Amino acid sequence: MSKAKVVQTELSEREYERLRQLADEEDISLKEALRRAATAYVESKDRPDPDDPFFTFHDRIDADAAATGDTDAREMDDDLYGDAP
């Protein structure tokens, strides 16, 4: 497991009280509430890798279908993952 990093920040009194209230309602520590908030923030900003074959296989299928006139869904695994070994 990688080493955890300690992060320090400041909250307004209102932010702190609301965070404390939510943490108490969830029966979790303030530290855990902040960790969950940071995780949710990072996950909301994550974007898929545009080079992932899952997001580019339609282009290859469309090009193949245009060239051959075929639209055989059985070849989707080859388009996604390459030829089977």
PDB file of N, CA and C in Angstrom:
ATOM      1  N   MET A   1       0.840  -1.175   0.000  1.00  0.00           N
ATOM      2  CA  MET A   1       0.000   0.000   0.000  1.00  0.00           C
ATOM      3  C   MET A   1       0.886   1.239   0.000  1.00  0.00           C
ATOM      4  N   SER A   2       0.515   2.251  -0.799  1.00  0.00           N
ATOM      5  CA  SER A   2       1.324   3.458  -0.864  1.00  0.00           C
ATOM      6  C   SER A   2       1.141   4.290   0.405  1.00  0.00           C
ATOM      7  N   LYS A   3       2.119   5.128   0.659  1.00  0.00           N
ATOM      8  CA  LYS A   3       2.051   5.986   1.834  1.00  0.00           C
ATOM      9  C   LYS A   3       0.967   7.039   1.652  1.00  0.00           C
ATOM     10  N   ALA A   4       0.242   7.299   2.712  1.00  0.00           N
ATOM     11  CA  ALA A   4      -0.772   8.345   2.689  1.00  0.00           C
ATOM     12  C   ALA A   4      -0.104   9.706   2.817  1.00  0.00           C
ATOM     13  N   LYS A   5      -0.712  10.712   2.269  1.00  0.00           N
ATOM     14  CA  LYS A   5      -0.234  12.091   2.374  1.00  0.00           C
ATOM     15  C   LYS A   5      -1.160  12.850   3.310  1.00  0.00           C
ATOM     16  N   VAL A   6      -0.592  13.668   4.139  1.00  0.00           N
ATOM     17  CA  VAL A   6      -1.366  14.499   5.050  1.00  0.00           C
ATOM     18  C   VAL A   6      -1.629  15.836   4.370  1.00  0.00           C
ATOM     19  N   VAL A   7      -2.892  16.266   4.395  1.00  0.00           N
ATOM     20  CA  VAL A   7      -3.293  17.524   3.777  1.00  0.00           C
ATOM     21  C   VAL A   7      -3.926  18.397   4.857  1.00  0.00           C
ATOM     22  N   GLN A   8      -3.545  19.646   4.872  1.00  0.00           N
ATOM     23  CA  GLN A   8      -4.093  20.571   5.858  1.00  0.00           C
ATOM     24  C   GLN A   8      -4.780  21.713   5.129  1.00  0.00           C
ATOM     25  N   THR A   9      -5.941  22.141   5.618  1.00  0.00           N
ATOM     26  CA  THR A   9      -6.656  23.239   4.988  1.00  0.00           C
ATOM     27  C   THR A   9      -7.440  24.015   6.030  1.00  0.00           C
ATOM     28  N   GLU A  10      -8.060  25.080   5.601  1.00  0.00           N
ATOM     29  CA  GLU A  10      -8.900  25.888   6.475  1.00  0.00           C
ATOM     30  C   GLU A  10     -10.311  25.894   5.938  1.00  0.00           C
ATOM     31  N   LEU A  11     -11.277  25.853   6.838  1.00  0.00           N
ATOM     32  CA  LEU A  11     -12.696  25.941   6.493  1.00  0.00           C
ATOM     33  C   LEU A  11     -13.293  27.117   7.247  1.00  0.00           C
ATOM     34  N   SER A  12     -14.302  27.709   6.667  1.00  0.00           N
ATOM     35  CA  SER A  12     -15.027  28.733   7.417  1.00  0.00           C
ATOM     36  C   SER A  12     -15.770  28.048   8.556  1.00  0.00           C
ATOM     37  N   GLU A  13     -16.191  28.827   9.512  1.00  0.00           N
ATOM     38  CA  GLU A  13     -16.944  28.267  10.639  1.00  0.00           C
ATOM     39  C   GLU A  13     -18.200  27.549  10.137  1.00  0.00           C
ATOM     40  N   ARG A  14     -18.873  28.153   9.186  1.00  0.00           N
ATOM     41  CA  ARG A  14     -20.101  27.554   8.617  1.00  0.00           C
ATOM     42  C   ARG A  14     -19.796  26.225   7.922  1.00  0.00           C
ATOM     43  N   GLU A  15     -18.737  26.194   7.105  1.00  0.00           N
ATOM     44  CA  GLU A  15     -18.353  24.953   6.415  1.00  0.00           C
ATOM     45  C   GLU A  15     -17.998  23.866   7.420  1.00  0.00           C
ATOM     46  N   TYR A  16     -17.218  24.258   8.423  1.00  0.00           N
ATOM     47  CA  TYR A  16     -16.802  23.293   9.437  1.00  0.00           C
ATOM     48  C   TYR A  16     -18.012  22.709  10.168  1.00  0.00           C
ATOM     49  N   GLU A  17     -18.925  23.560  10.600  1.00  0.00           N
ATOM     50  CA  GLU A  17     -20.093  23.091  11.347  1.00  0.00           C
ATOM     51  C   GLU A  17     -20.962  22.172  10.495  1.00  0.00           C
ATOM     52  N   ARG A  18     -21.135  22.516   9.237  1.00  0.00           N
ATOM     53  CA  ARG A  18     -21.945  21.661   8.347  1.00  0.00           C
ATOM     54  C   ARG A  18     -21.251  20.331   8.115  1.00  0.00           C
ATOM     55  N   LEU A  19     -19.954  20.357   7.896  1.00  0.00           N
ATOM     56  CA  LEU A  19     -19.211  19.112   7.705  1.00  0.00           C
ATOM     57  C   LEU A  19     -19.274  18.249   8.957  1.00  0.00           C
ATOM     58  N   ARG A  20     -19.102  18.864  10.107  1.00  0.00           N
ATOM     59  CA  ARG A  20     -19.182  18.135  11.386  1.00  0.00           C
ATOM     60  C   ARG A  20     -20.573  17.512  11.546  1.00  0.00           C
ATOM     61  N   GLN A  21     -21.608  18.262  11.216  1.00  0.00           N
ATOM     62  CA  GLN A  21     -22.984  17.760  11.322  1.00  0.00           C
ATOM     63  C   GLN A  21     -23.187  16.546  10.415  1.00  0.00           C
ATOM     64  N   LEU A  22     -22.743  16.650   9.175  1.00  0.00           N
ATOM     65  CA  LEU A  22     -22.889  15.536   8.236  1.00  0.00           C
ATOM     66  C   LEU A  22     -22.099  14.321   8.693  1.00  0.00           C
ATOM     67  N   ALA A  23     -20.898  14.536   9.182  1.00  0.00           N
ATOM     68  CA  ALA A  23     -20.079  13.430   9.679  1.00  0.00           C
ATOM     69  C   ALA A  23     -20.757  12.756  10.873  1.00  0.00           C
ATOM     70  N   ASP A  24     -21.307  13.553  11.780  1.00  0.00           N
ATOM     71  CA  ASP A  24     -22.006  12.993  12.934  1.00  0.00           C
ATOM     72  C   ASP A  24     -23.219  12.174  12.499  1.00  0.00           C
ATOM     73  N   GLU A  25     -23.957  12.677  11.510  1.00  0.00           N
ATOM     74  CA  GLU A  25     -25.125  11.950  11.002  1.00  0.00           C
ATOM     75  C   GLU A  25     -24.736  10.602  10.397  1.00  0.00           C
ATOM     76  N   GLU A  26     -23.570  10.554   9.780  1.00  0.00           N
ATOM     77  CA  GLU A  26     -23.078   9.325   9.158  1.00  0.00           C
ATOM     78  C   GLU A  26     -22.315   8.449  10.154  1.00  0.00           C
ATOM     79  N   ASP A  27     -22.105   8.978  11.342  1.00  0.00           N
ATOM     80  CA  ASP A  27     -21.330   8.297  12.385  1.00  0.00           C
ATOM     81  C   ASP A  27     -19.917   7.968  11.888  1.00  0.00           C
ATOM     82  N   ILE A  28     -19.301   8.977  11.260  1.00  0.00           N
ATOM     83  CA  ILE A  28     -17.923   8.849  10.784  1.00  0.00           C
ATOM     84  C   ILE A  28     -17.116  10.019  11.344  1.00  0.00           C
ATOM     85  N   SER A  29     -15.814   9.866  11.322  1.00  0.00           N
ATOM     86  CA  SER A  29     -14.941  10.935  11.807  1.00  0.00           C
ATOM     87  C   SER A  29     -14.904  12.076  10.791  1.00  0.00           C
ATOM     88  N   LEU A  30     -14.479  13.226  11.260  1.00  0.00           N
ATOM     89  CA  LEU A  30     -14.299  14.368  10.380  1.00  0.00           C
ATOM     90  C   LEU A  30     -13.254  14.050   9.315  1.00  0.00           C
ATOM     91  N   LYS A  31     -12.226  13.335   9.729  1.00  0.00           N
ATOM     92  CA  LYS A  31     -11.172  12.917   8.792  1.00  0.00           C
ATOM     93  C   LYS A  31     -11.756  12.057   7.673  1.00  0.00           C
ATOM     94  N   GLU A  32     -12.608  11.101   8.015  1.00  0.00           N
ATOM     95  CA  GLU A  32     -13.229  10.241   7.004  1.00  0.00           C
ATOM     96  C   GLU A  32     -14.167  11.040   6.105  1.00  0.00           C
ATOM     97  N   ALA A  33     -14.902  11.991   6.679  1.00  0.00           N
ATOM     98  CA  ALA A  33     -15.797  12.826   5.880  1.00  0.00           C
ATOM     99  C   ALA A  33     -15.005  13.636   4.854  1.00  0.00           C
ATOM    100  N   LEU A  34     -13.878  14.192   5.276  1.00  0.00           N
ATOM    101  CA  LEU A  34     -13.031  14.956   4.357  1.00  0.00           C
ATOM    102  C   LEU A  34     -12.418  14.055   3.290  1.00  0.00           C
ATOM    103  N   ARG A  35     -12.015  12.852   3.672  1.00  0.00           N
ATOM    104  CA  ARG A  35     -11.459  11.904   2.706  1.00  0.00           C
ATOM    105  C   ARG A  35     -12.507  11.565   1.644  1.00  0.00           C
ATOM    106  N   ARG A  36     -13.741  11.314   2.085  1.00  0.00           N
ATOM    107  CA  ARG A  36     -14.818  11.001   1.138  1.00  0.00           C
ATOM    108  C   ARG A  36     -15.125  12.189   0.228  1.00  0.00           C
ATOM    109  N   ALA A  37     -15.101  13.387   0.804  1.00  0.00           N
ATOM    110  CA  ALA A  37     -15.348  14.583  -0.009  1.00  0.00           C
ATOM    111  C   ALA A  37     -14.254  14.749  -1.068  1.00  0.00           C
ATOM    112  N   ALA A  38     -13.006  14.535  -0.683  1.00  0.00           N
ATOM    113  CA  ALA A  38     -11.899  14.654  -1.638  1.00  0.00           C
ATOM    114  C   ALA A  38     -12.011  13.592  -2.725  1.00  0.00           C
ATOM    115  N   THR A  39     -12.352  12.372  -2.334  1.00  0.00           N
ATOM    116  CA  THR A  39     -12.502  11.288  -3.313  1.00  0.00           C
ATOM    117  C   THR A  39     -13.623  11.600  -4.297  1.00  0.00           C
ATOM    118  N   ALA A  40     -14.753  12.066  -3.789  1.00  0.00           N
ATOM    119  CA  ALA A  40     -15.884  12.407  -4.661  1.00  0.00           C
ATOM    120  C   ALA A  40     -15.504  13.531  -5.619  1.00  0.00           C
ATOM    121  N   TYR A  41     -14.754  14.513  -5.137  1.00  0.00           N
ATOM    122  CA  TYR A  41     -14.327  15.616  -5.990  1.00  0.00           C
ATOM    123  C   TYR A  41     -13.422  15.122  -7.119  1.00  0.00           C
ATOM    124  N   VAL A  42     -12.435  14.319  -6.759  1.00  0.00           N
ATOM    125  CA  VAL A  42     -11.500  13.804  -7.770  1.00  0.00           C
ATOM    126  C   VAL A  42     -12.243  12.935  -8.784  1.00  0.00           C
ATOM    127  N   GLU A  43     -13.112  12.061  -8.311  1.00  0.00           N
ATOM    128  CA  GLU A  43     -13.859  11.184  -9.221  1.00  0.00           C
ATOM    129  C   GLU A  43     -14.768  11.987 -10.154  1.00  0.00           C
ATOM    130  N   SER A  44     -15.300  13.102  -9.677  1.00  0.00           N
ATOM    131  CA  SER A  44     -16.176  13.922 -10.530  1.00  0.00           C
ATOM    132  C   SER A  44     -15.396  14.602 -11.645  1.00  0.00           C
ATOM    133  N   LYS A  45     -14.098  14.742 -11.465  1.00  0.00           N
ATOM    134  CA  LYS A  45     -13.247  15.396 -12.470  1.00  0.00           C
ATOM    135  C   LYS A  45     -12.566  14.399 -13.407  1.00  0.00           C
ATOM    136  N   ASP A  46     -12.589  13.119 -13.067  1.00  0.00           N
ATOM    137  CA  ASP A  46     -11.952  12.108 -13.911  1.00  0.00           C
ATOM    138  C   ASP A  46     -12.673  12.007 -15.244  1.00  0.00           C
ATOM    139  N   ARG A  47     -11.909  11.830 -16.270  1.00  0.00           N
ATOM    140  CA  ARG A  47     -12.438  11.667 -17.619  1.00  0.00           C
ATOM    141  C   ARG A  47     -11.889  10.368 -18.192  1.00  0.00           C
ATOM    142  N   PRO A  48     -12.651   9.719 -19.055  1.00  0.00           N
ATOM    143  CA  PRO A  48     -12.139   8.484 -19.658  1.00  0.00           C
ATOM    144  C   PRO A  48     -10.932   8.761 -20.552  1.00  0.00           C
ATOM    145  N   ASP A  49     -10.079   7.774 -20.658  1.00  0.00           N
ATOM    146  CA  ASP A  49      -8.904   7.850 -21.521  1.00  0.00           C
ATOM    147  C   ASP A  49      -9.368   7.784 -22.968  1.00  0.00           C
ATOM    148  N   PRO A  50      -9.181   8.843 -23.744  1.00  0.00           N
ATOM    149  CA  PRO A  50      -9.660   8.822 -25.125  1.00  0.00           C
ATOM    150  C   PRO A  50      -8.960   7.784 -25.992  1.00  0.00           C
ATOM    151  N   ASP A  51      -7.813   7.276 -25.544  1.00  0.00           N
ATOM    152  CA  ASP A  51      -7.100   6.252 -26.307  1.00  0.00           C
ATOM    153  C   ASP A  51      -7.519   4.846 -25.926  1.00  0.00           C
ATOM    154  N   ASP A  52      -8.399   4.704 -24.934  1.00  0.00           N
ATOM    155  CA  ASP A  52      -8.897   3.392 -24.534  1.00  0.00           C
ATOM    156  C   ASP A  52      -9.650   2.779 -25.720  1.00  0.00           C
ATOM    157  N   PRO A  53      -9.327   1.549 -26.106  1.00  0.00           N
ATOM    158  CA  PRO A  53      -9.990   0.930 -27.256  1.00  0.00           C
ATOM    159  C   PRO A  53     -11.509   0.913 -27.150  1.00  0.00           C
ATOM    160  N   PHE A  54     -12.037   0.894 -25.957  1.00  0.00           N
ATOM    161  CA  PHE A  54     -13.492   0.870 -25.796  1.00  0.00           C
ATOM    162  C   PHE A  54     -14.133   2.110 -26.412  1.00  0.00           C
ATOM    163  N   PHE A  55     -13.431   3.250 -26.358  1.00  0.00           N
ATOM    164  CA  PHE A  55     -13.995   4.493 -26.855  1.00  0.00           C
ATOM    165  C   PHE A  55     -13.646   4.770 -28.310  1.00  0.00           C
ATOM    166  N   THR A  56     -12.822   3.949 -28.929  1.00  0.00           N
ATOM    167  CA  THR A  56     -12.430   4.193 -30.315  1.00  0.00           C
ATOM    168  C   THR A  56     -12.850   3.084 -31.265  1.00  0.00           C
ATOM    169  N   PHE A  57     -13.434   1.996 -30.749  1.00  0.00           N
ATOM    170  CA  PHE A  57     -13.732   0.877 -31.642  1.00  0.00           C
ATOM    171  C   PHE A  57     -14.830   1.209 -32.637  1.00  0.00           C
ATOM    172  N   HIS A  58     -15.736   2.115 -32.309  1.00  0.00           N
ATOM    173  CA  HIS A  58     -16.799   2.472 -33.256  1.00  0.00           C
ATOM    174  C   HIS A  58     -16.219   3.049 -34.541  1.00  0.00           C
ATOM    175  N   ASP A  59     -15.171   3.848 -34.408  1.00  0.00           N
ATOM    176  CA  ASP A  59     -14.537   4.427 -35.588  1.00  0.00           C
ATOM    177  C   ASP A  59     -13.981   3.336 -36.495  1.00  0.00           C
ATOM    178  N   ARG A  60     -13.331   2.323 -35.884  1.00  0.00           N
ATOM    179  CA  ARG A  60     -12.770   1.236 -36.685  1.00  0.00           C
ATOM    180  C   ARG A  60     -13.875   0.391 -37.306  1.00  0.00           C
ATOM    181  N   ILE A  61     -14.929   0.127 -36.561  1.00  0.00           N
ATOM    182  CA  ILE A  61     -16.040  -0.666 -37.097  1.00  0.00           C
ATOM    183  C   ILE A  61     -16.679   0.081 -38.257  1.00  0.00           C
ATOM    184  N   ASP A  62     -16.929   1.386 -38.081  1.00  0.00           N
ATOM    185  CA  ASP A  62     -17.542   2.175 -39.142  1.00  0.00           C
ATOM    186  C   ASP A  62     -16.663   2.186 -40.390  1.00  0.00           C
ATOM    187  N   ALA A  63     -15.351   2.294 -40.213  1.00  0.00           N
ATOM    188  CA  ALA A  63     -14.445   2.304 -41.362  1.00  0.00           C
ATOM    189  C   ALA A  63     -14.459   0.949 -42.062  1.00  0.00           C
ATOM    190  N   ASP A  64     -14.423  -0.149 -41.274  1.00  0.00           N
ATOM    191  CA  ASP A  64     -14.464  -1.486 -41.860  1.00  0.00           C
ATOM    192  C   ASP A  64     -15.787  -1.721 -42.579  1.00  0.00           C
ATOM    193  N   ALA A  65     -16.883  -1.325 -41.967  1.00  0.00           N
ATOM    194  CA  ALA A  65     -18.199  -1.533 -42.574  1.00  0.00           C
ATOM    195  C   ALA A  65     -18.333  -0.738 -43.861  1.00  0.00           C
ATOM    196  N   ALA A  66     -17.793   0.466 -43.879  1.00  0.00           N
ATOM    197  CA  ALA A  66     -17.866   1.282 -45.091  1.00  0.00           C
ATOM    198  C   ALA A  66     -17.057   0.647 -46.216  1.00  0.00           C
ATOM    199  N   ALA A  67     -15.918   0.042 -45.854  1.00  0.00           N
ATOM    200  CA  ALA A  67     -15.060  -0.559 -46.871  1.00  0.00           C
ATOM    201  C   ALA A  67     -15.630  -1.870 -47.393  1.00  0.00           C
ATOM    202  N   THR A  68     -16.243  -2.668 -46.514  1.00  0.00           N
ATOM    203  CA  THR A  68     -16.692  -4.000 -46.919  1.00  0.00           C
ATOM    204  C   THR A  68     -18.201  -4.117 -47.064  1.00  0.00           C
ATOM    205  N   GLY A  69     -18.932  -3.170 -46.469  1.00  0.00           N
ATOM    206  CA  GLY A  69     -20.383  -3.271 -46.498  1.00  0.00           C
ATOM    207  C   GLY A  69     -20.914  -4.196 -45.414  1.00  0.00           C
ATOM    208  N   ASP A  70     -20.023  -4.775 -44.593  1.00  0.00           N
ATOM    209  CA  ASP A  70     -20.439  -5.693 -43.528  1.00  0.00           C
ATOM    210  C   ASP A  70     -20.559  -4.940 -42.206  1.00  0.00           C
ATOM    211  N   THR A  71     -21.472  -5.404 -41.377  1.00  0.00           N
ATOM    212  CA  THR A  71     -21.616  -4.869 -40.020  1.00  0.00           C
ATOM    213  C   THR A  71     -21.772  -6.042 -39.064  1.00  0.00           C
ATOM    214  N   ASP A  72     -20.796  -6.918 -39.022  1.00  0.00           N
ATOM    215  CA  ASP A  72     -20.850  -8.141 -38.225  1.00  0.00           C
ATOM    216  C   ASP A  72     -20.410  -7.861 -36.796  1.00  0.00           C
ATOM    217  N   ALA A  73     -21.342  -7.936 -35.859  1.00  0.00           N
ATOM    218  CA  ALA A  73     -21.039  -7.658 -34.465  1.00  0.00           C
ATOM    219  C   ALA A  73     -20.143  -8.719 -33.839  1.00  0.00           C
ATOM    220  N   ARG A  74     -19.999  -9.871 -34.481  1.00  0.00           N
ATOM    221  CA  ARG A  74     -19.148 -10.925 -33.925  1.00  0.00           C
ATOM    222  C   ARG A  74     -17.681 -10.525 -33.904  1.00  0.00           C
ATOM    223  N   GLU A  75     -17.292  -9.558 -34.658  1.00  0.00           N
ATOM    224  CA  GLU A  75     -15.895  -9.136 -34.697  1.00  0.00           C
ATOM    225  C   GLU A  75     -15.590  -8.014 -33.702  1.00  0.00           C
ATOM    226  N   MET A  76     -16.573  -7.672 -32.869  1.00  0.00           N
ATOM    227  CA  MET A  76     -16.381  -6.568 -31.929  1.00  0.00           C
ATOM    228  C   MET A  76     -15.221  -6.831 -30.972  1.00  0.00           C
ATOM    229  N   ASP A  77     -15.067  -8.073 -30.480  1.00  0.00           N
ATOM    230  CA  ASP A  77     -13.966  -8.361 -29.561  1.00  0.00           C
ATOM    231  C   ASP A  77     -12.618  -8.124 -30.248  1.00  0.00           C
ATOM    232  N   ASP A  78     -12.499  -8.509 -31.511  1.00  0.00           N
ATOM    233  CA  ASP A  78     -11.246  -8.253 -32.227  1.00  0.00           C
ATOM    234  C   ASP A  78     -10.994  -6.757 -32.352  1.00  0.00           C
ATOM    235  N   ASP A  79     -12.061  -5.996 -32.606  1.00  0.00           N
ATOM    236  CA  ASP A  79     -11.903  -4.546 -32.738  1.00  0.00           C
ATOM    237  C   ASP A  79     -11.535  -3.903 -31.403  1.00  0.00           C
ATOM    238  N   LEU A  80     -12.095  -4.427 -30.327  1.00  0.00           N
ATOM    239  CA  LEU A  80     -11.807  -3.873 -29.007  1.00  0.00           C
ATOM    240  C   LEU A  80     -10.452  -4.300 -28.475  1.00  0.00           C
ATOM    241  N   TYR A  81     -10.149  -5.584 -28.612  1.00  0.00           N
ATOM    242  CA  TYR A  81      -9.003  -6.138 -27.905  1.00  0.00           C
ATOM    243  C   TYR A  81      -7.927  -6.707 -28.813  1.00  0.00           C
ATOM    244  N   GLY A  82      -8.109  -6.602 -30.099  1.00  0.00           N
ATOM    245  CA  GLY A  82      -7.137  -7.164 -31.028  1.00  0.00           C
ATOM    246  C   GLY A  82      -7.442  -8.618 -31.309  1.00  0.00           C
ATOM    247  N   ASP A  83      -6.714  -9.199 -32.205  1.00  0.00           N
ATOM    248  CA  ASP A  83      -6.915 -10.603 -32.560  1.00  0.00           C
ATOM    249  C   ASP A  83      -6.609 -11.507 -31.376  1.00  0.00           C
ATOM    250  N   ALA A  84      -7.394 -12.571 -31.234  1.00  0.00           N
ATOM    251  CA  ALA A  84      -7.171 -13.543 -30.147  1.00  0.00           C
ATOM    252  C   ALA A  84      -5.840 -14.231 -30.364  1.00  0.00           C
ATOM    253  N   PRO A  85      -5.115 -14.572 -29.275  1.00  0.00           N
ATOM    254  CA  PRO A  85      -3.807 -15.236 -29.423  1.00  0.00           C
ATOM    255  C   PRO A  85      -3.937 -16.631 -29.987  1.00  0.00           C
TER     256      PRO A  85
END
